[in-house]
N, C-alpha and C. Protein backbone atom coordinates (compact mmCIF):
# COMPACT_ATOMS: atom_id res chain seq x y z
N MET A 1 0.84 -1.18 0.00
CA MET A 1 0.00 0.00 0.00
C MET A 1 0.88 1.24 0.00
N LYS A 2 0.51 2.26 -0.79
CA LYS A 2 1.24 3.51 -0.82
C LYS A 2 0.96 4.30 0.45
N LYS A 3 1.96 5.05 0.86
CA LYS A 3 1.77 5.95 1.99
C LYS A 3 1.98 7.37 1.48
N LEU A 4 0.98 8.18 1.62
CA LEU A 4 1.07 9.57 1.20
C LEU A 4 1.86 10.34 2.24
N SER A 5 2.92 10.99 1.83
CA SER A 5 3.72 11.79 2.76
C SER A 5 3.08 13.15 2.98
N TYR A 6 3.37 13.72 4.13
CA TYR A 6 2.89 15.06 4.42
C TYR A 6 3.41 16.04 3.36
N GLU A 7 4.65 15.89 2.98
CA GLU A 7 5.27 16.80 2.01
C GLU A 7 4.53 16.77 0.67
N LYS A 8 4.16 15.57 0.22
CA LYS A 8 3.44 15.46 -1.05
C LYS A 8 2.05 16.07 -0.91
N TRP A 9 1.38 15.77 0.20
CA TRP A 9 0.05 16.33 0.45
C TRP A 9 0.11 17.85 0.46
N GLU A 10 1.07 18.40 1.20
CA GLU A 10 1.17 19.85 1.38
C GLU A 10 1.51 20.58 0.08
N SER A 11 2.21 19.92 -0.81
CA SER A 11 2.71 20.59 -2.01
C SER A 11 1.67 20.77 -3.12
N LYS A 12 0.55 20.07 -3.02
CA LYS A 12 -0.45 20.14 -4.10
C LYS A 12 -1.76 20.72 -3.58
N PHE A 13 -2.00 21.98 -3.96
CA PHE A 13 -3.22 22.66 -3.52
C PHE A 13 -3.62 23.71 -4.54
N TYR A 14 -4.87 24.17 -4.40
CA TYR A 14 -5.40 25.26 -5.21
C TYR A 14 -5.95 26.32 -4.27
N ASP A 15 -5.65 27.59 -4.52
CA ASP A 15 -6.27 28.70 -3.80
C ASP A 15 -7.42 29.20 -4.66
N VAL A 16 -8.64 28.85 -4.25
CA VAL A 16 -9.85 29.18 -5.02
C VAL A 16 -10.47 30.44 -4.41
N PRO A 17 -10.65 31.50 -5.20
CA PRO A 17 -11.30 32.70 -4.67
C PRO A 17 -12.68 32.38 -4.11
N PHE A 18 -12.95 32.91 -2.92
CA PHE A 18 -14.26 32.67 -2.29
C PHE A 18 -15.25 33.72 -2.78
N ILE A 19 -15.79 33.44 -3.97
CA ILE A 19 -16.80 34.29 -4.59
C ILE A 19 -17.95 33.40 -5.05
N LYS A 20 -19.13 33.97 -5.07
CA LYS A 20 -20.34 33.19 -5.38
C LYS A 20 -20.23 32.34 -6.65
N PRO A 21 -19.66 32.86 -7.77
CA PRO A 21 -19.56 32.01 -8.96
C PRO A 21 -18.72 30.74 -8.75
N ASN A 22 -17.89 30.70 -7.71
CA ASN A 22 -17.06 29.52 -7.44
C ASN A 22 -17.67 28.57 -6.42
N PHE A 23 -18.86 28.87 -5.89
CA PHE A 23 -19.43 28.03 -4.84
C PHE A 23 -19.67 26.60 -5.31
N ASP A 24 -20.18 26.41 -6.51
CA ASP A 24 -20.41 25.04 -7.00
C ASP A 24 -19.08 24.29 -7.13
N LEU A 25 -18.07 24.96 -7.64
CA LEU A 25 -16.74 24.35 -7.75
C LEU A 25 -16.22 23.98 -6.37
N LEU A 26 -16.30 24.90 -5.42
CA LEU A 26 -15.82 24.62 -4.06
C LEU A 26 -16.58 23.46 -3.44
N GLU A 27 -17.89 23.44 -3.61
CA GLU A 27 -18.70 22.32 -3.08
C GLU A 27 -18.24 21.00 -3.69
N SER A 28 -17.93 21.00 -4.99
CA SER A 28 -17.48 19.76 -5.65
C SER A 28 -16.12 19.31 -5.10
N MET A 29 -15.39 20.23 -4.48
CA MET A 29 -14.09 19.93 -3.89
C MET A 29 -14.21 19.58 -2.41
N GLY A 30 -15.44 19.49 -1.90
CA GLY A 30 -15.66 19.10 -0.51
C GLY A 30 -15.68 20.26 0.47
N VAL A 31 -15.79 21.49 -0.01
CA VAL A 31 -15.78 22.67 0.85
C VAL A 31 -17.21 23.02 1.24
N ASP A 32 -17.42 23.29 2.54
CA ASP A 32 -18.74 23.68 3.04
C ASP A 32 -18.89 25.20 2.89
N THR A 33 -19.37 25.64 1.74
CA THR A 33 -19.48 27.08 1.47
C THR A 33 -20.51 27.74 2.37
N TYR A 34 -21.53 26.99 2.78
CA TYR A 34 -22.54 27.55 3.68
C TYR A 34 -21.90 27.96 5.00
N MET A 35 -21.08 27.08 5.56
CA MET A 35 -20.42 27.36 6.84
C MET A 35 -19.51 28.59 6.71
N ILE A 36 -18.74 28.65 5.63
CA ILE A 36 -17.84 29.79 5.43
C ILE A 36 -18.66 31.06 5.25
N ASN A 37 -19.70 30.99 4.46
CA ASN A 37 -20.53 32.17 4.18
C ASN A 37 -21.14 32.75 5.45
N CYS A 38 -21.51 31.90 6.39
CA CYS A 38 -22.11 32.36 7.64
C CYS A 38 -21.14 33.16 8.50
N SER A 39 -19.85 32.99 8.29
CA SER A 39 -18.86 33.66 9.15
C SER A 39 -18.26 34.91 8.50
N GLN A 40 -18.82 35.39 7.41
CA GLN A 40 -18.21 36.49 6.68
C GLN A 40 -18.38 37.86 7.33
N GLU A 41 -19.33 38.01 8.21
CA GLU A 41 -19.57 39.31 8.83
C GLU A 41 -19.05 39.37 10.27
N THR A 42 -17.99 38.64 10.56
CA THR A 42 -17.41 38.68 11.91
C THR A 42 -16.22 39.63 11.94
N SER A 43 -15.73 39.91 13.13
CA SER A 43 -14.58 40.81 13.29
C SER A 43 -13.28 40.17 12.80
N ASP A 44 -13.30 38.86 12.56
CA ASP A 44 -12.09 38.17 12.10
C ASP A 44 -11.76 38.50 10.65
N GLY A 45 -12.72 38.96 9.90
CA GLY A 45 -12.49 39.32 8.50
C GLY A 45 -13.15 38.34 7.54
N ARG A 46 -13.16 38.73 6.30
CA ARG A 46 -13.81 37.95 5.25
C ARG A 46 -12.81 36.98 4.61
N THR A 47 -13.34 35.90 4.05
CA THR A 47 -12.52 34.90 3.37
C THR A 47 -12.20 35.38 1.96
N LYS A 48 -10.90 35.38 1.63
CA LYS A 48 -10.47 35.77 0.29
C LYS A 48 -10.32 34.54 -0.60
N PHE A 49 -9.68 33.49 -0.06
CA PHE A 49 -9.45 32.24 -0.79
C PHE A 49 -9.77 31.06 0.11
N VAL A 50 -10.08 29.94 -0.51
CA VAL A 50 -10.12 28.67 0.19
C VAL A 50 -8.99 27.84 -0.39
N ARG A 51 -8.05 27.44 0.47
CA ARG A 51 -6.95 26.58 0.04
C ARG A 51 -7.44 25.14 0.10
N VAL A 52 -7.58 24.52 -1.07
CA VAL A 52 -8.09 23.16 -1.19
C VAL A 52 -6.92 22.26 -1.56
N PHE A 53 -6.65 21.28 -0.71
CA PHE A 53 -5.54 20.36 -0.96
C PHE A 53 -5.98 19.24 -1.89
N HIS A 54 -5.16 18.98 -2.87
CA HIS A 54 -5.41 17.97 -3.90
C HIS A 54 -5.81 16.62 -3.30
N PHE A 55 -5.16 16.23 -2.22
CA PHE A 55 -5.40 14.91 -1.63
C PHE A 55 -6.34 14.95 -0.44
N GLY A 56 -7.05 16.07 -0.24
CA GLY A 56 -8.04 16.14 0.83
C GLY A 56 -7.77 17.21 1.85
N GLY A 57 -8.83 17.91 2.24
CA GLY A 57 -8.75 18.94 3.26
C GLY A 57 -8.73 20.34 2.65
N TRP A 58 -9.12 21.31 3.47
CA TRP A 58 -9.14 22.71 3.04
C TRP A 58 -9.15 23.61 4.26
N TYR A 59 -8.72 24.85 4.06
CA TYR A 59 -8.87 25.88 5.07
C TYR A 59 -9.00 27.23 4.38
N GLU A 60 -9.35 28.25 5.17
CA GLU A 60 -9.60 29.59 4.63
C GLU A 60 -8.37 30.49 4.75
N ILE A 61 -8.22 31.36 3.77
CA ILE A 61 -7.24 32.44 3.85
C ILE A 61 -8.05 33.73 3.80
N LEU A 62 -7.92 34.53 4.86
CA LEU A 62 -8.74 35.73 5.00
C LEU A 62 -8.11 36.93 4.30
N GLU A 63 -8.93 37.94 4.06
CA GLU A 63 -8.45 39.15 3.40
C GLU A 63 -7.31 39.82 4.17
N ASN A 64 -7.30 39.67 5.51
CA ASN A 64 -6.26 40.28 6.34
C ASN A 64 -4.98 39.44 6.40
N GLY A 65 -4.94 38.32 5.66
CA GLY A 65 -3.75 37.49 5.61
C GLY A 65 -3.73 36.34 6.60
N ASN A 66 -4.69 36.31 7.53
CA ASN A 66 -4.76 35.18 8.45
C ASN A 66 -5.18 33.92 7.72
N HIS A 67 -4.65 32.79 8.17
CA HIS A 67 -5.07 31.48 7.70
C HIS A 67 -5.95 30.92 8.81
N TYR A 68 -7.12 30.36 8.44
CA TYR A 68 -8.08 29.89 9.44
C TYR A 68 -8.52 28.46 9.14
N LEU A 69 -8.45 27.63 10.19
CA LEU A 69 -8.88 26.23 10.09
C LEU A 69 -9.75 25.90 11.28
N LEU A 70 -10.89 25.27 11.02
CA LEU A 70 -11.78 24.75 12.05
C LEU A 70 -11.87 23.24 11.86
N LEU A 71 -11.47 22.50 12.89
CA LEU A 71 -11.59 21.03 12.89
C LEU A 71 -12.30 20.63 14.17
N GLY A 72 -13.54 20.18 14.04
CA GLY A 72 -14.30 19.79 15.22
C GLY A 72 -14.45 20.98 16.16
N SER A 73 -14.00 20.82 17.41
CA SER A 73 -14.11 21.91 18.38
C SER A 73 -12.81 22.71 18.50
N ASN A 74 -11.85 22.43 17.63
CA ASN A 74 -10.57 23.15 17.63
C ASN A 74 -10.48 24.07 16.44
N ASP A 75 -9.89 25.24 16.65
CA ASP A 75 -9.65 26.12 15.52
C ASP A 75 -8.33 26.86 15.70
N TRP A 76 -7.77 27.26 14.57
CA TRP A 76 -6.50 27.98 14.52
C TRP A 76 -6.67 29.15 13.58
N MET A 77 -6.06 30.29 13.95
CA MET A 77 -6.05 31.45 13.06
C MET A 77 -4.74 32.19 13.29
N SER A 78 -4.00 32.38 12.20
CA SER A 78 -2.72 33.07 12.36
C SER A 78 -2.14 33.44 11.00
N LYS A 79 -1.19 34.39 11.05
CA LYS A 79 -0.36 34.72 9.90
C LYS A 79 1.05 34.15 10.07
N GLU A 80 1.34 33.65 11.27
CA GLU A 80 2.68 33.16 11.60
C GLU A 80 2.92 31.79 10.97
N GLU A 81 4.07 31.67 10.32
CA GLU A 81 4.41 30.44 9.60
C GLU A 81 4.38 29.20 10.49
N GLU A 82 4.88 29.29 11.72
CA GLU A 82 4.91 28.12 12.60
C GLU A 82 3.50 27.65 12.96
N VAL A 83 2.60 28.59 13.20
CA VAL A 83 1.21 28.23 13.51
C VAL A 83 0.53 27.64 12.28
N ILE A 84 0.79 28.24 11.11
CA ILE A 84 0.21 27.72 9.87
C ILE A 84 0.72 26.30 9.60
N LYS A 85 2.00 26.05 9.87
CA LYS A 85 2.57 24.71 9.69
C LYS A 85 1.87 23.71 10.62
N THR A 86 1.67 24.09 11.88
CA THR A 86 0.97 23.23 12.83
C THR A 86 -0.45 22.95 12.35
N MET A 87 -1.11 24.01 11.86
CA MET A 87 -2.47 23.90 11.34
C MET A 87 -2.54 22.88 10.21
N LYS A 88 -1.61 22.99 9.27
CA LYS A 88 -1.61 22.07 8.13
C LYS A 88 -1.33 20.64 8.56
N LYS A 89 -0.45 20.46 9.53
CA LYS A 89 -0.18 19.10 10.02
C LYS A 89 -1.42 18.50 10.68
N GLU A 90 -2.15 19.31 11.44
CA GLU A 90 -3.40 18.85 12.04
C GLU A 90 -4.41 18.45 10.96
N LEU A 91 -4.51 19.26 9.91
CA LEU A 91 -5.44 18.97 8.82
C LEU A 91 -5.04 17.69 8.09
N PHE A 92 -3.75 17.51 7.83
CA PHE A 92 -3.26 16.29 7.18
C PHE A 92 -3.61 15.06 8.03
N ASP A 93 -3.31 15.13 9.33
CA ASP A 93 -3.61 14.00 10.22
C ASP A 93 -5.11 13.70 10.25
N TRP A 94 -5.92 14.76 10.30
CA TRP A 94 -7.37 14.59 10.29
C TRP A 94 -7.82 13.90 9.00
N ALA A 95 -7.30 14.36 7.87
CA ALA A 95 -7.71 13.80 6.57
C ALA A 95 -7.35 12.31 6.49
N ILE A 96 -6.18 11.94 7.00
CA ILE A 96 -5.77 10.53 7.02
C ILE A 96 -6.68 9.74 7.96
N ASP A 97 -6.87 10.25 9.20
CA ASP A 97 -7.68 9.55 10.20
C ASP A 97 -9.13 9.37 9.77
N MET A 98 -9.69 10.36 9.10
CA MET A 98 -11.09 10.32 8.71
C MET A 98 -11.30 9.58 7.39
N GLY A 99 -10.24 9.17 6.75
CA GLY A 99 -10.37 8.46 5.50
C GLY A 99 -10.70 9.37 4.33
N VAL A 100 -10.50 10.69 4.53
CA VAL A 100 -10.74 11.63 3.43
C VAL A 100 -9.78 11.33 2.29
N ILE A 101 -8.56 10.96 2.66
CA ILE A 101 -7.55 10.61 1.67
C ILE A 101 -7.59 9.11 1.47
N ASP A 102 -7.96 8.68 0.29
CA ASP A 102 -7.97 7.26 -0.04
C ASP A 102 -6.61 6.94 -0.66
N ILE A 103 -5.74 6.36 0.15
CA ILE A 103 -4.36 6.13 -0.26
C ILE A 103 -4.29 5.34 -1.57
N GLU A 104 -5.19 4.40 -1.76
CA GLU A 104 -5.18 3.58 -2.97
C GLU A 104 -5.57 4.39 -4.21
N GLU A 105 -6.32 5.47 -4.00
CA GLU A 105 -6.82 6.26 -5.12
C GLU A 105 -5.98 7.50 -5.41
N VAL A 106 -4.91 7.71 -4.66
CA VAL A 106 -4.13 8.94 -4.76
C VAL A 106 -3.71 9.26 -6.19
N ASP A 107 -3.24 8.30 -6.94
CA ASP A 107 -2.75 8.58 -8.28
C ASP A 107 -3.80 8.37 -9.37
N LYS A 108 -5.02 8.03 -8.98
CA LYS A 108 -6.05 7.77 -9.98
C LYS A 108 -6.95 8.98 -10.22
N LYS A 109 -6.82 10.00 -9.39
CA LYS A 109 -7.65 11.18 -9.53
C LYS A 109 -6.77 12.40 -9.71
N GLU A 110 -7.27 13.34 -10.44
CA GLU A 110 -6.54 14.59 -10.65
C GLU A 110 -7.48 15.74 -10.32
N LEU A 111 -7.05 16.62 -9.44
CA LEU A 111 -7.83 17.79 -9.09
C LEU A 111 -7.47 18.90 -10.07
N THR A 112 -8.47 19.44 -10.70
CA THR A 112 -8.23 20.51 -11.67
C THR A 112 -9.02 21.74 -11.23
N SER A 113 -8.93 22.78 -12.00
CA SER A 113 -9.70 23.98 -11.68
C SER A 113 -11.20 23.73 -11.89
N PHE A 114 -11.56 22.57 -12.39
CA PHE A 114 -12.96 22.23 -12.60
C PHE A 114 -13.43 21.14 -11.66
N GLY A 115 -12.69 20.86 -10.60
CA GLY A 115 -13.09 19.84 -9.64
C GLY A 115 -12.29 18.57 -9.83
N VAL A 116 -12.82 17.46 -9.39
CA VAL A 116 -12.13 16.19 -9.42
C VAL A 116 -12.52 15.44 -10.68
N ILE A 117 -11.52 14.93 -11.40
CA ILE A 117 -11.80 14.08 -12.56
C ILE A 117 -11.03 12.79 -12.42
N GLU A 118 -11.55 11.74 -12.96
CA GLU A 118 -10.86 10.44 -12.95
C GLU A 118 -9.81 10.45 -14.07
N LYS A 119 -8.65 9.89 -13.78
CA LYS A 119 -7.61 9.76 -14.82
C LYS A 119 -7.96 8.61 -15.75
C-alpha cells in the first residue's frame, strides 16, 4: 500500500477565490461554502481564498492574511508560519484519520480547476 507523505500532500493545492460564482466548484471539492458564508460578517475578516488540498482537506485564507482552520471543536487562526505549519499538520492527520484521503486512489484522480476528474 502507498503511503502519502505530508510533504506530497502539502505541495499540491489550489487557492480558489471565495466568490459566489465559485461556490459550486468549491462544493465539488468538498468545501462547506454555507459554513464559510455564515462567518463572513465577523470581526475576524472575510474569506479571500479557500486553500483546497489535492489529496483532501481545506482551510480559509482571509483578506487580512490570516489562515483559518476549524476542525471539530478546535480552531486555529494566524499569519505566523509556525502556527500555519501546525495547522496544516493537524489537517493532514485529520484527513488521514477520517479516510478523506484514499491512499489507494491517490494517483487515480486529478484535481483541476474544474473539480475532481478520474484519470
